[in-house]
Amino acid sequence: MTLKRDKKREIVRKQLMEKEQETTHSLVSKFSKEMINLIQAKEREVL
């Protein structure tokens, strides 16, 4: 019983970690695109 429970916990923990990584990845991608757009806008203002 303990082995099954431990295995289930490990699977759930792994799934949670993967979901957090996906969320982090999407946020980083979103903010990096926004920063690139802001930098390009400032470059256009200067030029």
N, C-alpha and C. Protein backbone atom coordinates (compact mmCIF):
# COMPACT_ATOMS: atom_id res chain seq x y z
N MET A 1 0.83 -1.20 0.00
CA MET A 1 0.00 0.00 0.00
C MET A 1 0.87 1.26 0.00
N THR A 2 1.89 1.26 0.81
CA THR A 2 2.76 2.43 0.90
C THR A 2 3.47 2.70 -0.42
N LEU A 3 3.89 1.66 -1.10
CA LEU A 3 4.56 1.83 -2.38
C LEU A 3 3.63 2.46 -3.41
N LYS A 4 2.39 2.01 -3.43
CA LYS A 4 1.41 2.58 -4.37
C LYS A 4 1.18 4.06 -4.05
N ARG A 5 1.04 4.35 -2.77
CA ARG A 5 0.79 5.73 -2.35
C ARG A 5 1.99 6.61 -2.71
N ASP A 6 3.18 6.12 -2.44
CA ASP A 6 4.39 6.87 -2.76
C ASP A 6 4.50 7.10 -4.26
N LYS A 7 4.19 6.08 -5.03
CA LYS A 7 4.24 6.20 -6.49
C LYS A 7 3.24 7.24 -6.98
N LYS A 8 2.03 7.20 -6.42
CA LYS A 8 0.98 8.16 -6.80
C LYS A 8 1.41 9.58 -6.44
N ARG A 9 1.97 9.74 -5.25
CA ARG A 9 2.45 11.07 -4.84
C ARG A 9 3.53 11.58 -5.77
N GLU A 10 4.42 10.70 -6.14
CA GLU A 10 5.51 11.08 -7.04
C GLU A 10 4.95 11.51 -8.40
N ILE A 11 3.97 10.77 -8.90
CA ILE A 11 3.35 11.11 -10.19
C ILE A 11 2.66 12.46 -10.10
N VAL A 12 1.90 12.68 -9.03
CA VAL A 12 1.19 13.95 -8.85
C VAL A 12 2.19 15.10 -8.72
N ARG A 13 3.26 14.87 -7.95
CA ARG A 13 4.28 15.91 -7.78
C ARG A 13 4.94 16.25 -9.12
N LYS A 14 5.22 15.23 -9.90
CA LYS A 14 5.84 15.43 -11.20
C LYS A 14 4.91 16.21 -12.14
N GLN A 15 3.62 15.86 -12.13
CA GLN A 15 2.65 16.56 -12.97
C GLN A 15 2.54 18.02 -12.56
N LEU A 16 2.54 18.28 -11.25
CA LEU A 16 2.46 19.64 -10.75
C LEU A 16 3.68 20.44 -11.20
N MET A 17 4.84 19.82 -11.10
CA MET A 17 6.08 20.49 -11.50
C MET A 17 6.07 20.80 -13.00
N GLU A 18 5.59 19.86 -13.81
CA GLU A 18 5.52 20.09 -15.25
C GLU A 18 4.56 21.24 -15.56
N LYS A 19 3.44 21.29 -14.86
CA LYS A 19 2.48 22.37 -15.08
C LYS A 19 3.09 23.72 -14.70
N GLU A 20 3.81 23.76 -13.58
CA GLU A 20 4.48 24.99 -13.17
C GLU A 20 5.52 25.41 -14.20
N GLN A 21 6.26 24.46 -14.74
CA GLN A 21 7.26 24.77 -15.75
C GLN A 21 6.61 25.33 -17.01
N GLU A 22 5.48 24.76 -17.42
CA GLU A 22 4.77 25.25 -18.60
C GLU A 22 4.28 26.67 -18.36
N THR A 23 3.74 26.92 -17.16
CA THR A 23 3.26 28.25 -16.82
C THR A 23 4.40 29.26 -16.84
N THR A 24 5.51 28.89 -16.24
CA THR A 24 6.68 29.76 -16.21
C THR A 24 7.17 30.04 -17.63
N HIS A 25 7.22 29.01 -18.44
CA HIS A 25 7.67 29.17 -19.83
C HIS A 25 6.77 30.13 -20.58
N SER A 26 5.47 29.99 -20.43
CA SER A 26 4.56 30.87 -21.16
C SER A 26 4.68 32.31 -20.67
N LEU A 27 4.86 32.50 -19.36
CA LEU A 27 5.02 33.86 -18.84
C LEU A 27 6.32 34.49 -19.34
N VAL A 28 7.40 33.74 -19.32
CA VAL A 28 8.69 34.26 -19.79
C VAL A 28 8.59 34.61 -21.27
N SER A 29 7.95 33.76 -22.05
CA SER A 29 7.79 34.04 -23.48
C SER A 29 6.97 35.31 -23.70
N LYS A 30 5.88 35.43 -22.96
CA LYS A 30 5.01 36.60 -23.09
C LYS A 30 5.77 37.88 -22.75
N PHE A 31 6.46 37.87 -21.60
CA PHE A 31 7.15 39.08 -21.16
C PHE A 31 8.34 39.40 -22.06
N SER A 32 9.02 38.39 -22.58
CA SER A 32 10.14 38.67 -23.46
C SER A 32 9.65 39.29 -24.77
N LYS A 33 8.51 38.83 -25.28
CA LYS A 33 7.94 39.43 -26.49
C LYS A 33 7.55 40.88 -26.23
N GLU A 34 6.96 41.13 -25.05
CA GLU A 34 6.59 42.50 -24.70
C GLU A 34 7.82 43.39 -24.60
N MET A 35 8.89 42.88 -24.00
CA MET A 35 10.12 43.67 -23.88
C MET A 35 10.72 43.96 -25.25
N ILE A 36 10.72 42.97 -26.12
CA ILE A 36 11.24 43.18 -27.48
C ILE A 36 10.42 44.26 -28.18
N ASN A 37 9.11 44.20 -28.04
CA ASN A 37 8.25 45.21 -28.66
C ASN A 37 8.53 46.60 -28.10
N LEU A 38 8.71 46.69 -26.78
CA LEU A 38 9.01 47.99 -26.16
C LEU A 38 10.36 48.52 -26.63
N ILE A 39 11.35 47.65 -26.71
CA ILE A 39 12.68 48.07 -27.18
C ILE A 39 12.60 48.55 -28.62
N GLN A 40 11.88 47.82 -29.46
CA GLN A 40 11.75 48.22 -30.86
C GLN A 40 11.00 49.55 -30.98
N ALA A 41 10.00 49.76 -30.14
CA ALA A 41 9.26 51.03 -30.17
C ALA A 41 10.19 52.18 -29.78
N LYS A 42 11.00 51.98 -28.75
CA LYS A 42 11.95 53.03 -28.34
C LYS A 42 12.98 53.29 -29.43
N GLU A 43 13.45 52.24 -30.09
CA GLU A 43 14.41 52.42 -31.18
C GLU A 43 13.79 53.26 -32.29
N ARG A 44 12.53 53.00 -32.60
CA ARG A 44 11.85 53.77 -33.64
C ARG A 44 11.71 55.23 -33.24
N GLU A 45 11.46 55.48 -31.94
CA GLU A 45 11.36 56.86 -31.46
C GLU A 45 12.69 57.59 -31.61
N VAL A 46 13.77 56.91 -31.28
CA VAL A 46 15.10 57.52 -31.33
C VAL A 46 15.51 57.78 -32.77
N LEU A 47 15.20 56.85 -33.64
CA LEU A 47 15.59 57.02 -35.04
C LEU A 47 14.58 57.88 -35.69
